[in-house]
Amino acid sequence: MQSEPEINDGAVEDTATASHLHRSAMELSYQALNAYSSGLGKVSQELFKLALKNELAAMAVSTDEGLPSRAVLQRSAAFLAHQAGADEQAADLARHCLSGNLPKYLIQQLFDIVSSYQEPYSPF
């Protein structure tokens, strides 16, 4: 019987599955949203960073044989990176995901993330 992964400063046991890691990431993201709505911006950002760490770990162990699919994990990681203030990483994750064969509903969500990160134009 496999137990739920333990979250200790974002670290997760090696035996955790992509699904457990994804659920952990989503729980942390809900906590981050609650912290943000309570005026705790720095706490919120740290929780989003921990959620991103779990989502990236889920991507690393994902076999894409079930839900959540790798594309869903990549979309989620891109969103979490954006929420954690790592806009360049968010755009990179979204671009990488967009290079694959995706369901249409994911394409627009990822395009929105890429569009929100724009480096300032400089001719120099």
PDB file of N, CA and C in Angstrom:
ATOM      1  N   MET A   1       0.840  -1.180   0.000  1.00  0.00           N
ATOM      2  CA  MET A   1       0.000   0.000   0.000  1.00  0.00           C
ATOM      3  C   MET A   1       0.883   1.240   0.000  1.00  0.00           C
ATOM      4  N   GLN A   2       0.665   2.093  -0.972  1.00  0.00           N
ATOM      5  CA  GLN A   2       1.485   3.298  -1.104  1.00  0.00           C
ATOM      6  C   GLN A   2       0.803   4.447  -0.385  1.00  0.00           C
ATOM      7  N   SER A   3       1.558   5.153   0.418  1.00  0.00           N
ATOM      8  CA  SER A   3       1.000   6.266   1.172  1.00  0.00           C
ATOM      9  C   SER A   3       1.166   7.567   0.408  1.00  0.00           C
ATOM     10  N   GLU A   4       0.417   8.546   0.846  1.00  0.00           N
ATOM     11  CA  GLU A   4       0.541   9.884   0.257  1.00  0.00           C
ATOM     12  C   GLU A   4       1.949  10.403   0.475  1.00  0.00           C
ATOM     13  N   PRO A   5       2.512  11.130  -0.485  1.00  0.00           N
ATOM     14  CA  PRO A   5       3.846  11.689  -0.286  1.00  0.00           C
ATOM     15  C   PRO A   5       3.824  12.757   0.797  1.00  0.00           C
ATOM     16  N   GLU A   6       4.889  12.821   1.549  1.00  0.00           N
ATOM     17  CA  GLU A   6       5.012  13.841   2.577  1.00  0.00           C
ATOM     18  C   GLU A   6       5.660  15.077   1.981  1.00  0.00           C
ATOM     19  N   ILE A   7       5.117  16.228   2.311  1.00  0.00           N
ATOM     20  CA  ILE A   7       5.715  17.477   1.849  1.00  0.00           C
ATOM     21  C   ILE A   7       6.534  18.034   2.994  1.00  0.00           C
ATOM     22  N   ASN A   8       7.793  18.195   2.750  1.00  0.00           N
ATOM     23  CA  ASN A   8       8.700  18.751   3.737  1.00  0.00           C
ATOM     24  C   ASN A   8       9.502  19.818   3.015  1.00  0.00           C
ATOM     25  N   ASP A   9       9.053  21.065   3.144  1.00  0.00           N
ATOM     26  CA  ASP A   9       9.697  22.168   2.438  1.00  0.00           C
ATOM     27  C   ASP A   9       9.699  21.909   0.932  1.00  0.00           C
ATOM     28  N   GLY A  10       8.636  21.263   0.426  1.00  0.00           N
ATOM     29  CA  GLY A  10       8.506  21.009  -0.997  1.00  0.00           C
ATOM     30  C   GLY A  10       9.159  19.722  -1.453  1.00  0.00           C
ATOM     31  N   ALA A  11       9.939  19.067  -0.622  1.00  0.00           N
ATOM     32  CA  ALA A  11      10.581  17.815  -1.012  1.00  0.00           C
ATOM     33  C   ALA A  11       9.568  16.686  -0.895  1.00  0.00           C
ATOM     34  N   VAL A  12       9.609  15.752  -1.809  1.00  0.00           N
ATOM     35  CA  VAL A  12       8.644  14.668  -1.828  1.00  0.00           C
ATOM     36  C   VAL A  12       9.397  13.352  -1.950  1.00  0.00           C
ATOM     37  N   GLU A  13       8.892  12.320  -1.295  1.00  0.00           N
ATOM     38  CA  GLU A  13       9.529  11.017  -1.352  1.00  0.00           C
ATOM     39  C   GLU A  13       9.665  10.550  -2.803  1.00  0.00           C
ATOM     40  N   ASP A  14      10.755   9.828  -3.099  1.00  0.00           N
ATOM     41  CA  ASP A  14      11.032   9.347  -4.444  1.00  0.00           C
ATOM     42  C   ASP A  14       9.958   8.419  -4.979  1.00  0.00           C
ATOM     43  N   THR A  15       9.242   7.718  -4.098  1.00  0.00           N
ATOM     44  CA  THR A  15       8.257   6.734  -4.529  1.00  0.00           C
ATOM     45  C   THR A  15       6.919   7.359  -4.937  1.00  0.00           C
ATOM     46  N   ALA A  16       6.792   8.638  -4.824  1.00  0.00           N
ATOM     47  CA  ALA A  16       5.524   9.302  -5.138  1.00  0.00           C
ATOM     48  C   ALA A  16       5.217   9.202  -6.624  1.00  0.00           C
ATOM     49  N   THR A  17       3.957   9.128  -6.952  1.00  0.00           N
ATOM     50  CA  THR A  17       3.535   9.072  -8.344  1.00  0.00           C
ATOM     51  C   THR A  17       3.221  10.477  -8.851  1.00  0.00           C
ATOM     52  N   ALA A  18       3.115  10.582 -10.167  1.00  0.00           N
ATOM     53  CA  ALA A  18       2.777  11.876 -10.778  1.00  0.00           C
ATOM     54  C   ALA A  18       1.444  12.396 -10.253  1.00  0.00           C
ATOM     55  N   SER A  19       0.508  11.505 -10.065  1.00  0.00           N
ATOM     56  CA  SER A  19      -0.808  11.921  -9.574  1.00  0.00           C
ATOM     57  C   SER A  19      -0.723  12.487  -8.158  1.00  0.00           C
ATOM     58  N   HIS A  20       0.027  11.826  -7.281  1.00  0.00           N
ATOM     59  CA  HIS A  20       0.189  12.336  -5.918  1.00  0.00           C
ATOM     60  C   HIS A  20       0.910  13.677  -5.913  1.00  0.00           C
ATOM     61  N   LEU A  21       1.954  13.768  -6.711  1.00  0.00           N
ATOM     62  CA  LEU A  21       2.707  15.020  -6.789  1.00  0.00           C
ATOM     63  C   LEU A  21       1.825  16.145  -7.314  1.00  0.00           C
ATOM     64  N   HIS A  22       1.027  15.843  -8.320  1.00  0.00           N
ATOM     65  CA  HIS A  22       0.129  16.854  -8.895  1.00  0.00           C
ATOM     66  C   HIS A  22      -0.892  17.306  -7.852  1.00  0.00           C
ATOM     67  N   ARG A  23      -1.471  16.353  -7.128  1.00  0.00           N
ATOM     68  CA  ARG A  23      -2.435  16.730  -6.077  1.00  0.00           C
ATOM     69  C   ARG A  23      -1.771  17.585  -5.004  1.00  0.00           C
ATOM     70  N   SER A  24      -0.535  17.252  -4.644  1.00  0.00           N
ATOM     71  CA  SER A  24       0.198  18.062  -3.668  1.00  0.00           C
ATOM     72  C   SER A  24       0.409  19.479  -4.194  1.00  0.00           C
ATOM     73  N   ALA A  25       0.762  19.575  -5.473  1.00  0.00           N
ATOM     74  CA  ALA A  25       0.963  20.889  -6.088  1.00  0.00           C
ATOM     75  C   ALA A  25      -0.331  21.692  -6.087  1.00  0.00           C
ATOM     76  N   MET A  26      -1.444  21.036  -6.389  1.00  0.00           N
ATOM     77  CA  MET A  26      -2.727  21.747  -6.424  1.00  0.00           C
ATOM     78  C   MET A  26      -3.139  22.189  -5.023  1.00  0.00           C
ATOM     79  N   GLU A  27      -2.886  21.362  -4.010  1.00  0.00           N
ATOM     80  CA  GLU A  27      -3.194  21.751  -2.636  1.00  0.00           C
ATOM     81  C   GLU A  27      -2.368  22.970  -2.228  1.00  0.00           C
ATOM     82  N   LEU A  28      -1.089  22.962  -2.566  1.00  0.00           N
ATOM     83  CA  LEU A  28      -0.236  24.111  -2.257  1.00  0.00           C
ATOM     84  C   LEU A  28      -0.705  25.359  -3.010  1.00  0.00           C
ATOM     85  N   SER A  29      -1.160  25.191  -4.243  1.00  0.00           N
ATOM     86  CA  SER A  29      -1.630  26.359  -5.005  1.00  0.00           C
ATOM     87  C   SER A  29      -2.902  26.938  -4.382  1.00  0.00           C
ATOM     88  N   TYR A  30      -3.799  26.072  -3.863  1.00  0.00           N
ATOM     89  CA  TYR A  30      -4.990  26.571  -3.170  1.00  0.00           C
ATOM     90  C   TYR A  30      -4.592  27.341  -1.910  1.00  0.00           C
ATOM     91  N   GLN A  31      -3.619  26.812  -1.188  1.00  0.00           N
ATOM     92  CA  GLN A  31      -3.121  27.510  -0.005  1.00  0.00           C
ATOM     93  C   GLN A  31      -2.516  28.863  -0.400  1.00  0.00           C
ATOM     94  N   ALA A  32      -1.814  28.878  -1.521  1.00  0.00           N
ATOM     95  CA  ALA A  32      -1.207  30.128  -2.000  1.00  0.00           C
ATOM     96  C   ALA A  32      -2.276  31.150  -2.355  1.00  0.00           C
ATOM     97  N   LEU A  33      -3.340  30.714  -3.013  1.00  0.00           N
ATOM     98  CA  LEU A  33      -4.428  31.634  -3.357  1.00  0.00           C
ATOM     99  C   LEU A  33      -5.104  32.179  -2.103  1.00  0.00           C
ATOM    100  N   ASN A  34      -5.293  31.313  -1.113  1.00  0.00           N
ATOM    101  CA  ASN A  34      -5.881  31.764   0.146  1.00  0.00           C
ATOM    102  C   ASN A  34      -4.970  32.766   0.850  1.00  0.00           C
ATOM    103  N   ALA A  35      -3.669  32.502   0.834  1.00  0.00           N
ATOM    104  CA  ALA A  35      -2.718  33.438   1.449  1.00  0.00           C
ATOM    105  C   ALA A  35      -2.770  34.783   0.734  1.00  0.00           C
ATOM    106  N   TYR A  36      -2.825  34.744  -0.594  1.00  0.00           N
ATOM    107  CA  TYR A  36      -2.869  35.986  -1.374  1.00  0.00           C
ATOM    108  C   TYR A  36      -4.137  36.785  -1.048  1.00  0.00           C
ATOM    109  N   SER A  37      -5.263  36.086  -0.977  1.00  0.00           N
ATOM    110  CA  SER A  37      -6.516  36.802  -0.699  1.00  0.00           C
ATOM    111  C   SER A  37      -6.567  37.326   0.733  1.00  0.00           C
ATOM    112  N   SER A  38      -5.686  36.799   1.605  1.00  0.00           N
ATOM    113  CA  SER A  38      -5.585  37.300   2.981  1.00  0.00           C
ATOM    114  C   SER A  38      -4.532  38.387   3.123  1.00  0.00           C
ATOM    115  N   GLY A  39      -3.974  38.823   1.994  1.00  0.00           N
ATOM    116  CA  GLY A  39      -2.982  39.892   2.027  1.00  0.00           C
ATOM    117  C   GLY A  39      -1.575  39.422   2.337  1.00  0.00           C
ATOM    118  N   LEU A  40      -1.321  38.140   2.215  1.00  0.00           N
ATOM    119  CA  LEU A  40      -0.004  37.584   2.517  1.00  0.00           C
ATOM    120  C   LEU A  40       0.729  37.257   1.214  1.00  0.00           C
ATOM    121  N   GLY A  41       1.115  38.294   0.499  1.00  0.00           N
ATOM    122  CA  GLY A  41       1.719  38.143  -0.821  1.00  0.00           C
ATOM    123  C   GLY A  41       2.998  37.324  -0.836  1.00  0.00           C
ATOM    124  N   LYS A  42       3.894  37.576   0.123  1.00  0.00           N
ATOM    125  CA  LYS A  42       5.164  36.832   0.146  1.00  0.00           C
ATOM    126  C   LYS A  42       4.936  35.358   0.468  1.00  0.00           C
ATOM    127  N   VAL A  43       4.046  35.079   1.388  1.00  0.00           N
ATOM    128  CA  VAL A  43       3.717  33.693   1.729  1.00  0.00           C
ATOM    129  C   VAL A  43       3.106  33.006   0.508  1.00  0.00           C
ATOM    130  N   SER A  44       2.219  33.721  -0.165  1.00  0.00           N
ATOM    131  CA  SER A  44       1.587  33.192  -1.364  1.00  0.00           C
ATOM    132  C   SER A  44       2.621  32.819  -2.415  1.00  0.00           C
ATOM    133  N   GLN A  45       3.556  33.689  -2.666  1.00  0.00           N
ATOM    134  CA  GLN A  45       4.577  33.431  -3.684  1.00  0.00           C
ATOM    135  C   GLN A  45       5.431  32.220  -3.307  1.00  0.00           C
ATOM    136  N   GLU A  46       5.787  32.086  -2.034  1.00  0.00           N
ATOM    137  CA  GLU A  46       6.579  30.930  -1.592  1.00  0.00           C
ATOM    138  C   GLU A  46       5.792  29.630  -1.754  1.00  0.00           C
ATOM    139  N   LEU A  47       4.496  29.678  -1.451  1.00  0.00           N
ATOM    140  CA  LEU A  47       3.668  28.487  -1.638  1.00  0.00           C
ATOM    141  C   LEU A  47       3.556  28.119  -3.117  1.00  0.00           C
ATOM    142  N   PHE A  48       3.447  29.125  -3.985  1.00  0.00           N
ATOM    143  CA  PHE A  48       3.426  28.842  -5.425  1.00  0.00           C
ATOM    144  C   PHE A  48       4.747  28.229  -5.873  1.00  0.00           C
ATOM    145  N   LYS A  49       5.849  28.671  -5.292  1.00  0.00           N
ATOM    146  CA  LYS A  49       7.156  28.082  -5.637  1.00  0.00           C
ATOM    147  C   LYS A  49       7.216  26.612  -5.236  1.00  0.00           C
ATOM    148  N   LEU A  50       6.691  26.301  -4.040  1.00  0.00           N
ATOM    149  CA  LEU A  50       6.655  24.907  -3.597  1.00  0.00           C
ATOM    150  C   LEU A  50       5.734  24.072  -4.490  1.00  0.00           C
ATOM    151  N   ALA A  51       4.606  24.657  -4.877  1.00  0.00           N
ATOM    152  CA  ALA A  51       3.686  23.957  -5.777  1.00  0.00           C
ATOM    153  C   ALA A  51       4.369  23.681  -7.112  1.00  0.00           C
ATOM    154  N   LEU A  52       5.102  24.657  -7.619  1.00  0.00           N
ATOM    155  CA  LEU A  52       5.827  24.480  -8.880  1.00  0.00           C
ATOM    156  C   LEU A  52       6.845  23.358  -8.757  1.00  0.00           C
ATOM    157  N   LYS A  53       7.546  23.310  -7.642  1.00  0.00           N
ATOM    158  CA  LYS A  53       8.545  22.255  -7.425  1.00  0.00           C
ATOM    159  C   LYS A  53       7.889  20.877  -7.504  1.00  0.00           C
ATOM    160  N   ASN A  54       6.723  20.727  -6.884  1.00  0.00           N
ATOM    161  CA  ASN A  54       6.005  19.454  -6.940  1.00  0.00           C
ATOM    162  C   ASN A  54       5.513  19.146  -8.351  1.00  0.00           C
ATOM    163  N   GLU A  55       5.039  20.153  -9.051  1.00  0.00           N
ATOM    164  CA  GLU A  55       4.529  19.924 -10.408  1.00  0.00           C
ATOM    165  C   GLU A  55       5.655  19.531 -11.358  1.00  0.00           C
ATOM    166  N   LEU A  56       6.816  20.157 -11.207  1.00  0.00           N
ATOM    167  CA  LEU A  56       7.966  19.774 -12.029  1.00  0.00           C
ATOM    168  C   LEU A  56       8.401  18.340 -11.707  1.00  0.00           C
ATOM    169  N   ALA A  57       8.320  17.957 -10.443  1.00  0.00           N
ATOM    170  CA  ALA A  57       8.639  16.577 -10.061  1.00  0.00           C
ATOM    171  C   ALA A  57       7.617  15.611 -10.664  1.00  0.00           C
ATOM    172  N   ALA A  58       6.362  16.013 -10.696  1.00  0.00           N
ATOM    173  CA  ALA A  58       5.327  15.179 -11.321  1.00  0.00           C
ATOM    174  C   ALA A  58       5.617  14.985 -12.807  1.00  0.00           C
ATOM    175  N   MET A  59       6.052  16.052 -13.465  1.00  0.00           N
ATOM    176  CA  MET A  59       6.412  15.939 -14.876  1.00  0.00           C
ATOM    177  C   MET A  59       7.562  14.950 -15.063  1.00  0.00           C
ATOM    178  N   ALA A  60       8.514  14.970 -14.151  1.00  0.00           N
ATOM    179  CA  ALA A  60       9.693  14.110 -14.264  1.00  0.00           C
ATOM    180  C   ALA A  60       9.338  12.624 -14.137  1.00  0.00           C
ATOM    181  N   VAL A  61       8.316  12.295 -13.344  1.00  0.00           N
ATOM    182  CA  VAL A  61       7.956  10.889 -13.160  1.00  0.00           C
ATOM    183  C   VAL A  61       6.740  10.472 -13.988  1.00  0.00           C
ATOM    184  N   SER A  62       6.151  11.405 -14.715  1.00  0.00           N
ATOM    185  CA  SER A  62       4.959  11.114 -15.501  1.00  0.00           C
ATOM    186  C   SER A  62       5.278  10.144 -16.635  1.00  0.00           C
ATOM    187  N   THR A  63       4.409   9.156 -16.773  1.00  0.00           N
ATOM    188  CA  THR A  63       4.534   8.217 -17.885  1.00  0.00           C
ATOM    189  C   THR A  63       3.503   8.516 -18.962  1.00  0.00           C
ATOM    190  N   ASP A  64       2.647   9.487 -18.709  1.00  0.00           N
ATOM    191  CA  ASP A  64       1.597   9.898 -19.638  1.00  0.00           C
ATOM    192  C   ASP A  64       0.630   8.765 -19.931  1.00  0.00           C
ATOM    193  N   GLU A  65       0.511   7.811 -19.016  1.00  0.00           N
ATOM    194  CA  GLU A  65      -0.405   6.690 -19.217  1.00  0.00           C
ATOM    195  C   GLU A  65      -1.763   6.932 -18.568  1.00  0.00           C
ATOM    196  N   GLY A  66      -1.983   8.064 -18.052  1.00  0.00           N
ATOM    197  CA  GLY A  66      -3.255   8.348 -17.407  1.00  0.00           C
ATOM    198  C   GLY A  66      -3.300   9.799 -17.005  1.00  0.00           C
ATOM    199  N   LEU A  67      -4.276  10.096 -16.188  1.00  0.00           N
ATOM    200  CA  LEU A  67      -4.407  11.480 -15.744  1.00  0.00           C
ATOM    201  C   LEU A  67      -3.606  11.677 -14.484  1.00  0.00           C
ATOM    202  N   PRO A  68      -2.980  12.774 -14.259  1.00  0.00           N
ATOM    203  CA  PRO A  68      -2.904  13.897 -15.204  1.00  0.00           C
ATOM    204  C   PRO A  68      -1.913  13.606 -16.329  1.00  0.00           C
ATOM    205  N   SER A  69      -2.262  14.028 -17.522  1.00  0.00           N
ATOM    206  CA  SER A  69      -1.371  13.816 -18.654  1.00  0.00           C
ATOM    207  C   SER A  69      -0.184  14.766 -18.569  1.00  0.00           C
ATOM    208  N   ARG A  70       0.849  14.449 -19.299  1.00  0.00           N
ATOM    209  CA  ARG A  70       2.046  15.290 -19.294  1.00  0.00           C
ATOM    210  C   ARG A  70       1.711  16.711 -19.758  1.00  0.00           C
ATOM    211  N   ALA A  71       0.841  16.847 -20.747  1.00  0.00           N
ATOM    212  CA  ALA A  71       0.459  18.180 -21.223  1.00  0.00           C
ATOM    213  C   ALA A  71      -0.242  18.980 -20.134  1.00  0.00           C
ATOM    214  N   VAL A  72      -1.104  18.329 -19.373  1.00  0.00           N
ATOM    215  CA  VAL A  72      -1.794  19.006 -18.266  1.00  0.00           C
ATOM    216  C   VAL A  72      -0.780  19.419 -17.208  1.00  0.00           C
ATOM    217  N   LEU A  73       0.175  18.537 -16.922  1.00  0.00           N
ATOM    218  CA  LEU A  73       1.212  18.870 -15.945  1.00  0.00           C
ATOM    219  C   LEU A  73       2.059  20.041 -16.423  1.00  0.00           C
ATOM    220  N   GLN A  74       2.401  20.067 -17.708  1.00  0.00           N
ATOM    221  CA  GLN A  74       3.202  21.168 -18.253  1.00  0.00           C
ATOM    222  C   GLN A  74       2.431  22.475 -18.201  1.00  0.00           C
ATOM    223  N   ARG A  75       1.156  22.434 -18.538  1.00  0.00           N
ATOM    224  CA  ARG A  75       0.330  23.646 -18.474  1.00  0.00           C
ATOM    225  C   ARG A  75       0.252  24.143 -17.046  1.00  0.00           C
ATOM    226  N   SER A  76       0.030  23.216 -16.123  1.00  0.00           N
ATOM    227  CA  SER A  76      -0.056  23.575 -14.711  1.00  0.00           C
ATOM    228  C   SER A  76       1.264  24.150 -14.208  1.00  0.00           C
ATOM    229  N   ALA A  77       2.378  23.534 -14.597  1.00  0.00           N
ATOM    230  CA  ALA A  77       3.694  24.039 -14.182  1.00  0.00           C
ATOM    231  C   ALA A  77       3.929  25.440 -14.724  1.00  0.00           C
ATOM    232  N   ALA A  78       3.528  25.688 -15.965  1.00  0.00           N
ATOM    233  CA  ALA A  78       3.694  27.023 -16.548  1.00  0.00           C
ATOM    234  C   ALA A  78       2.879  28.052 -15.771  1.00  0.00           C
ATOM    235  N   PHE A  79       1.656  27.708 -15.422  1.00  0.00           N
ATOM    236  CA  PHE A  79       0.804  28.613 -14.650  1.00  0.00           C
ATOM    237  C   PHE A  79       1.399  28.867 -13.266  1.00  0.00           C
ATOM    238  N   LEU A  80       1.858  27.796 -12.603  1.00  0.00           N
ATOM    239  CA  LEU A  80       2.434  27.945 -11.263  1.00  0.00           C
ATOM    240  C   LEU A  80       3.704  28.793 -11.303  1.00  0.00           C
ATOM    241  N   ALA A  81       4.531  28.597 -12.332  1.00  0.00           N
ATOM    242  CA  ALA A  81       5.745  29.415 -12.470  1.00  0.00           C
ATOM    243  C   ALA A  81       5.368  30.884 -12.617  1.00  0.00           C
ATOM    244  N   HIS A  82       4.343  31.153 -13.410  1.00  0.00           N
ATOM    245  CA  HIS A  82       3.869  32.532 -13.596  1.00  0.00           C
ATOM    246  C   HIS A  82       3.404  33.118 -12.257  1.00  0.00           C
ATOM    247  N   GLN A  83       2.629  32.337 -11.501  1.00  0.00           N
ATOM    248  CA  GLN A  83       2.125  32.800 -10.212  1.00  0.00           C
ATOM    249  C   GLN A  83       3.252  32.987  -9.200  1.00  0.00           C
ATOM    250  N   ALA A  84       4.328  32.204  -9.345  1.00  0.00           N
ATOM    251  CA  ALA A  84       5.461  32.305  -8.424  1.00  0.00           C
ATOM    252  C   ALA A  84       6.396  33.453  -8.793  1.00  0.00           C
ATOM    253  N   GLY A  85       6.068  34.159  -9.872  1.00  0.00           N
ATOM    254  CA  GLY A  85       6.893  35.290 -10.288  1.00  0.00           C
ATOM    255  C   GLY A  85       8.040  34.898 -11.195  1.00  0.00           C
ATOM    256  N   ALA A  86       8.030  33.664 -11.666  1.00  0.00           N
ATOM    257  CA  ALA A  86       9.086  33.181 -12.570  1.00  0.00           C
ATOM    258  C   ALA A  86       8.552  33.202 -13.997  1.00  0.00           C
ATOM    259  N   ASP A  87       8.301  34.426 -14.487  1.00  0.00           N
ATOM    260  CA  ASP A  87       7.642  34.578 -15.788  1.00  0.00           C
ATOM    261  C   ASP A  87       8.445  33.996 -16.944  1.00  0.00           C
ATOM    262  N   GLU A  88       9.751  34.131 -16.910  1.00  0.00           N
ATOM    263  CA  GLU A  88      10.565  33.579 -18.003  1.00  0.00           C
ATOM    264  C   GLU A  88      10.464  32.053 -18.011  1.00  0.00           C
ATOM    265  N   GLN A  89      10.520  31.434 -16.836  1.00  0.00           N
ATOM    266  CA  GLN A  89      10.375  29.987 -16.746  1.00  0.00           C
ATOM    267  C   GLN A  89       8.974  29.569 -17.195  1.00  0.00           C
ATOM    268  N   ALA A  90       7.979  30.346 -16.824  1.00  0.00           N
ATOM    269  CA  ALA A  90       6.607  30.056 -17.238  1.00  0.00           C
ATOM    270  C   ALA A  90       6.493  30.063 -18.759  1.00  0.00           C
ATOM    271  N   ALA A  91       7.052  31.082 -19.385  1.00  0.00           N
ATOM    272  CA  ALA A  91       6.993  31.183 -20.841  1.00  0.00           C
ATOM    273  C   ALA A  91       7.757  30.030 -21.492  1.00  0.00           C
ATOM    274  N   ASP A  92       8.912  29.678 -20.938  1.00  0.00           N
ATOM    275  CA  ASP A  92       9.692  28.561 -21.487  1.00  0.00           C
ATOM    276  C   ASP A  92       8.910  27.253 -21.388  1.00  0.00           C
ATOM    277  N   LEU A  93       8.297  27.000 -20.244  1.00  0.00           N
ATOM    278  CA  LEU A  93       7.491  25.801 -20.076  1.00  0.00           C
ATOM    279  C   LEU A  93       6.316  25.784 -21.051  1.00  0.00           C
ATOM    280  N   ALA A  94       5.666  26.921 -21.194  1.00  0.00           N
ATOM    281  CA  ALA A  94       4.529  27.003 -22.109  1.00  0.00           C
ATOM    282  C   ALA A  94       4.966  26.799 -23.549  1.00  0.00           C
ATOM    283  N   ARG A  95       6.065  27.421 -23.953  1.00  0.00           N
ATOM    284  CA  ARG A  95       6.567  27.242 -25.323  1.00  0.00           C
ATOM    285  C   ARG A  95       6.908  25.789 -25.600  1.00  0.00           C
ATOM    286  N   HIS A  96       7.574  25.150 -24.629  1.00  0.00           N
ATOM    287  CA  HIS A  96       7.941  23.747 -24.792  1.00  0.00           C
ATOM    288  C   HIS A  96       6.692  22.888 -24.967  1.00  0.00           C
ATOM    289  N   CYS A  97       5.700  23.145 -24.156  1.00  0.00           N
ATOM    290  CA  CYS A  97       4.453  22.391 -24.234  1.00  0.00           C
ATOM    291  C   CYS A  97       3.736  22.646 -25.560  1.00  0.00           C
ATOM    292  N   LEU A  98       3.777  23.887 -26.038  1.00  0.00           N
ATOM    293  CA  LEU A  98       3.111  24.229 -27.297  1.00  0.00           C
ATOM    294  C   LEU A  98       3.751  23.546 -28.501  1.00  0.00           C
ATOM    295  N   SER A  99       4.983  23.079 -28.353  1.00  0.00           N
ATOM    296  CA  SER A  99       5.650  22.407 -29.467  1.00  0.00           C
ATOM    297  C   SER A  99       5.129  20.982 -29.657  1.00  0.00           C
ATOM    298  N   GLY A 100       4.293  20.500 -28.724  1.00  0.00           N
ATOM    299  CA  GLY A 100       3.750  19.146 -28.825  1.00  0.00           C
ATOM    300  C   GLY A 100       2.359  19.137 -29.428  1.00  0.00           C
ATOM    301  N   ASN A 101       1.779  17.970 -29.483  1.00  0.00           N
ATOM    302  CA  ASN A 101       0.421  17.782 -30.007  1.00  0.00           C
ATOM    303  C   ASN A 101      -0.548  17.896 -28.834  1.00  0.00           C
ATOM    304  N   LEU A 102      -1.264  19.005 -28.758  1.00  0.00           N
ATOM    305  CA  LEU A 102      -2.087  19.317 -27.588  1.00  0.00           C
ATOM    306  C   LEU A 102      -3.565  19.400 -27.904  1.00  0.00           C
ATOM    307  N   PRO A 103      -4.385  19.138 -26.900  1.00  0.00           N
ATOM    308  CA  PRO A 103      -5.810  19.441 -27.044  1.00  0.00           C
ATOM    309  C   PRO A 103      -5.992  20.958 -27.188  1.00  0.00           C
ATOM    310  N   LYS A 104      -7.008  21.359 -27.942  1.00  0.00           N
ATOM    311  CA  LYS A 104      -7.216  22.789 -28.231  1.00  0.00           C
ATOM    312  C   LYS A 104      -7.384  23.644 -26.973  1.00  0.00           C
ATOM    313  N   TYR A 105      -8.041  23.108 -25.953  1.00  0.00           N
ATOM    314  CA  TYR A 105      -8.268  23.925 -24.756  1.00  0.00           C
ATOM    315  C   TYR A 105      -6.955  24.276 -24.059  1.00  0.00           C
ATOM    316  N   LEU A 106      -5.940  23.426 -24.180  1.00  0.00           N
ATOM    317  CA  LEU A 106      -4.648  23.736 -23.563  1.00  0.00           C
ATOM    318  C   LEU A 106      -3.870  24.768 -24.373  1.00  0.00           C
ATOM    319  N   ILE A 107      -4.040  24.747 -25.675  1.00  0.00           N
ATOM    320  CA  ILE A 107      -3.287  25.656 -26.544  1.00  0.00           C
ATOM    321  C   ILE A 107      -3.546  27.107 -26.174  1.00  0.00           C
ATOM    322  N   GLN A 108      -4.804  27.498 -26.015  1.00  0.00           N
ATOM    323  CA  GLN A 108      -5.126  28.885 -25.687  1.00  0.00           C
ATOM    324  C   GLN A 108      -4.593  29.274 -24.321  1.00  0.00           C
ATOM    325  N   GLN A 109      -4.713  28.380 -23.348  1.00  0.00           N
ATOM    326  CA  GLN A 109      -4.213  28.682 -22.003  1.00  0.00           C
ATOM    327  C   GLN A 109      -2.701  28.892 -22.027  1.00  0.00           C
ATOM    328  N   LEU A 110      -1.984  28.063 -22.762  1.00  0.00           N
ATOM    329  CA  LEU A 110      -0.528  28.200 -22.850  1.00  0.00           C
ATOM    330  C   LEU A 110      -0.142  29.443 -23.637  1.00  0.00           C
ATOM    331  N   PHE A 111      -0.871  29.728 -24.695  1.00  0.00           N
ATOM    332  CA  PHE A 111      -0.599  30.933 -25.478  1.00  0.00           C
ATOM    333  C   PHE A 111      -0.755  32.174 -24.614  1.00  0.00           C
ATOM    334  N   ASP A 112      -1.755  32.189 -23.755  1.00  0.00           N
ATOM    335  CA  ASP A 112      -1.961  33.326 -22.857  1.00  0.00           C
ATOM    336  C   ASP A 112      -0.766  33.515 -21.919  1.00  0.00           C
ATOM    337  N   ILE A 113      -0.193  32.409 -21.439  1.00  0.00           N
ATOM    338  CA  ILE A 113       0.975  32.503 -20.557  1.00  0.00           C
ATOM    339  C   ILE A 113       2.169  33.065 -21.322  1.00  0.00           C
ATOM    340  N   VAL A 114       2.403  32.547 -22.531  1.00  0.00           N
ATOM    341  CA  VAL A 114       3.525  33.037 -23.344  1.00  0.00           C
ATOM    342  C   VAL A 114       3.333  34.509 -23.660  1.00  0.00           C
ATOM    343  N   SER A 115       2.114  34.908 -23.996  1.00  0.00           N
ATOM    344  CA  SER A 115       1.829  36.302 -24.352  1.00  0.00           C
ATOM    345  C   SER A 115       2.021  37.244 -23.178  1.00  0.00           C
ATOM    346  N   SER A 116       1.792  36.756 -21.962  1.00  0.00           N
ATOM    347  CA  SER A 116       1.907  37.632 -20.803  1.00  0.00           C
ATOM    348  C   SER A 116       3.354  37.937 -20.453  1.00  0.00           C
ATOM    349  N   TYR A 117       4.285  37.123 -20.951  1.00  0.00           N
ATOM    350  CA  TYR A 117       5.689  37.392 -20.686  1.00  0.00           C
ATOM    351  C   TYR A 117       6.319  37.937 -21.952  1.00  0.00           C
ATOM    352  N   GLN A 118       6.662  39.182 -21.918  1.00  0.00           N
ATOM    353  CA  GLN A 118       7.316  39.796 -23.067  1.00  0.00           C
ATOM    354  C   GLN A 118       8.497  40.587 -22.568  1.00  0.00           C
ATOM    355  N   GLU A 119       9.661  40.245 -23.076  1.00  0.00           N
ATOM    356  CA  GLU A 119      10.849  41.004 -22.703  1.00  0.00           C
ATOM    357  C   GLU A 119      10.758  42.380 -23.334  1.00  0.00           C
ATOM    358  N   PRO A 120      11.257  43.387 -22.657  1.00  0.00           N
ATOM    359  CA  PRO A 120      11.226  44.728 -23.234  1.00  0.00           C
ATOM    360  C   PRO A 120      12.052  44.764 -24.532  1.00  0.00           C
ATOM    361  N   TYR A 121      11.544  45.439 -25.495  1.00  0.00           N
ATOM    362  CA  TYR A 121      12.249  45.575 -26.771  1.00  0.00           C
ATOM    363  C   TYR A 121      13.370  46.615 -26.625  1.00  0.00           C
ATOM    364  N   SER A 122      14.520  46.239 -27.130  1.00  0.00           N
ATOM    365  CA  SER A 122      15.650  47.183 -27.139  1.00  0.00           C
ATOM    366  C   SER A 122      16.444  46.973 -28.407  1.00  0.00           C
ATOM    367  N   PRO A 123      16.628  48.022 -29.187  1.00  0.00           N
ATOM    368  CA  PRO A 123      17.395  47.876 -30.432  1.00  0.00           C
ATOM    369  C   PRO A 123      18.892  47.789 -30.172  1.00  0.00           C
ATOM    370  N   PHE A 124      19.346  47.968 -28.929  1.00  0.00           N
ATOM    371  CA  PHE A 124      20.778  47.981 -28.611  1.00  0.00           C
ATOM    372  C   PHE A 124      21.242  46.658 -28.070  1.00  0.00           C
TER     373      PHE A 124
END
